[in-house]
Amino acid sequence: MSELLGQADRKNEVVDQAMHKDHAHSSRFITESLARATNTPVEQVAEIYASQSAELERTARIKSFIGVIATRRTRAILNERTGKHRRWSPSA
């Protein structure tokens, strides 16, 4: 029985490591994309994204969409700083 629990713990650890690695890759992709789109240094975008993600991690009750919400908040902050604001307008 304890051998099975040990195997389950090892599998969970492998899954956790894979998820962390995937999240790190995803975060890097997001920050690089936002940096290109807003003409902002990657380091600055990464700092804002990390700050927004950390705040959401602390306060969110449902954590499934933290990456999506952090990306939106980061983009909004960057657009505000550069004077770019997306506004909806009806098509003709």
Protein backbone atom coordinates (compact mmCIF):
# COMPACT_ATOMS: atom_id res chain seq x y z
CA MET A 1 0.00 0.00 0.00
CA SER A 2 2.72 2.48 0.94
CA GLU A 3 4.51 1.62 -2.31
CA LEU A 4 1.41 2.65 -4.27
CA LEU A 5 1.18 5.90 -2.35
CA GLY A 6 4.85 6.58 -3.09
CA GLN A 7 4.24 6.02 -6.80
CA ALA A 8 1.22 8.34 -6.72
CA ASP A 9 3.29 11.03 -4.98
CA ARG A 10 6.01 10.73 -7.63
CA LYS A 11 3.44 10.97 -10.43
CA ASN A 12 1.87 14.04 -8.83
CA GLU A 13 5.29 15.63 -8.51
CA VAL A 14 6.01 15.00 -12.21
CA VAL A 15 2.65 16.49 -13.18
CA ASP A 16 3.27 19.54 -10.96
CA GLN A 17 6.69 20.08 -12.53
CA ALA A 18 5.24 19.78 -16.04
CA MET A 19 2.48 22.26 -15.23
CA HIS A 20 4.98 24.73 -13.76
CA LYS A 21 7.19 24.38 -16.83
CA ASP A 22 4.18 24.86 -19.12
CA HIS A 23 3.07 27.94 -17.15
CA ALA A 24 6.57 29.43 -17.36
CA HIS A 25 6.65 28.87 -21.12
CA SER A 26 3.16 30.34 -21.48
CA SER A 27 4.07 33.41 -19.40
CA ARG A 28 7.18 34.01 -21.49
CA PHE A 29 5.18 33.72 -24.72
CA ILE A 30 2.52 36.11 -23.41
CA THR A 31 5.02 38.72 -22.21
CA GLU A 32 7.01 38.58 -25.45
CA SER A 33 3.83 38.92 -27.53
CA LEU A 34 2.56 41.86 -25.47
CA ALA A 35 5.98 43.51 -25.64
CA ARG A 36 6.00 43.30 -29.43
CA ALA A 37 2.40 44.47 -29.75
CA THR A 38 2.91 47.48 -27.48
CA ASN A 39 6.51 48.30 -28.37
CA THR A 40 7.51 47.89 -24.71
CA PRO A 41 10.64 46.20 -23.32
CA VAL A 42 10.00 42.55 -22.42
CA GLU A 43 11.37 43.08 -18.91
CA GLN A 44 8.82 45.81 -18.22
CA VAL A 45 5.96 43.69 -19.57
CA ALA A 46 7.12 40.68 -17.54
CA GLU A 47 7.18 42.80 -14.38
CA ILE A 48 3.63 44.06 -14.93
CA TYR A 49 2.35 40.59 -15.85
CA ALA A 50 3.98 39.02 -12.78
CA SER A 51 2.49 41.71 -10.56
CA GLN A 52 -1.00 41.21 -11.99
CA SER A 53 -0.71 37.41 -11.75
CA ALA A 54 0.47 37.58 -8.15
CA GLU A 55 -2.38 39.88 -7.17
CA LEU A 56 -4.91 37.55 -8.78
CA GLU A 57 -3.33 34.49 -7.14
CA ARG A 58 -3.82 36.17 -3.76
CA THR A 59 -7.36 37.39 -4.30
CA ALA A 60 -9.10 35.11 -6.81
CA ARG A 61 -11.46 32.46 -5.52
CA ILE A 62 -11.50 30.68 -8.88
CA LYS A 63 -8.00 30.39 -10.25
CA SER A 64 -8.68 28.79 -13.64
CA PHE A 65 -8.51 32.02 -15.64
CA ILE A 66 -5.75 33.92 -13.85
CA GLY A 67 -3.52 33.87 -16.94
CA VAL A 68 -6.27 35.26 -19.16
CA ILE A 69 -7.24 37.99 -16.71
CA ALA A 70 -3.60 38.91 -15.97
CA THR A 71 -2.97 39.21 -19.71
CA ARG A 72 -5.98 41.51 -20.17
CA ARG A 73 -4.96 43.67 -17.23
CA THR A 74 -1.36 43.86 -18.45
CA ARG A 75 -2.48 44.82 -21.95
CA ALA A 76 -4.79 47.51 -20.52
CA ILE A 77 -1.99 48.97 -18.40
CA LEU A 78 0.41 49.02 -21.36
CA ASN A 79 -2.20 50.55 -23.68
CA GLU A 80 -2.97 53.19 -21.09
CA ARG A 81 0.72 54.08 -20.81
CA THR A 82 1.18 54.32 -24.56
CA GLY A 83 -2.09 56.13 -25.14
CA LYS A 84 -3.58 53.25 -27.13
CA HIS A 85 -7.12 52.52 -26.08
CA ARG A 86 -9.29 50.04 -27.87
CA ARG A 87 -12.69 51.44 -28.47
CA TRP A 88 -15.53 49.58 -30.06
CA SER A 89 -17.09 51.18 -33.06
CA PRO A 90 -19.89 49.81 -35.17
CA SER A 91 -18.94 48.81 -38.67
CA ALA A 92 -20.57 50.65 -41.52
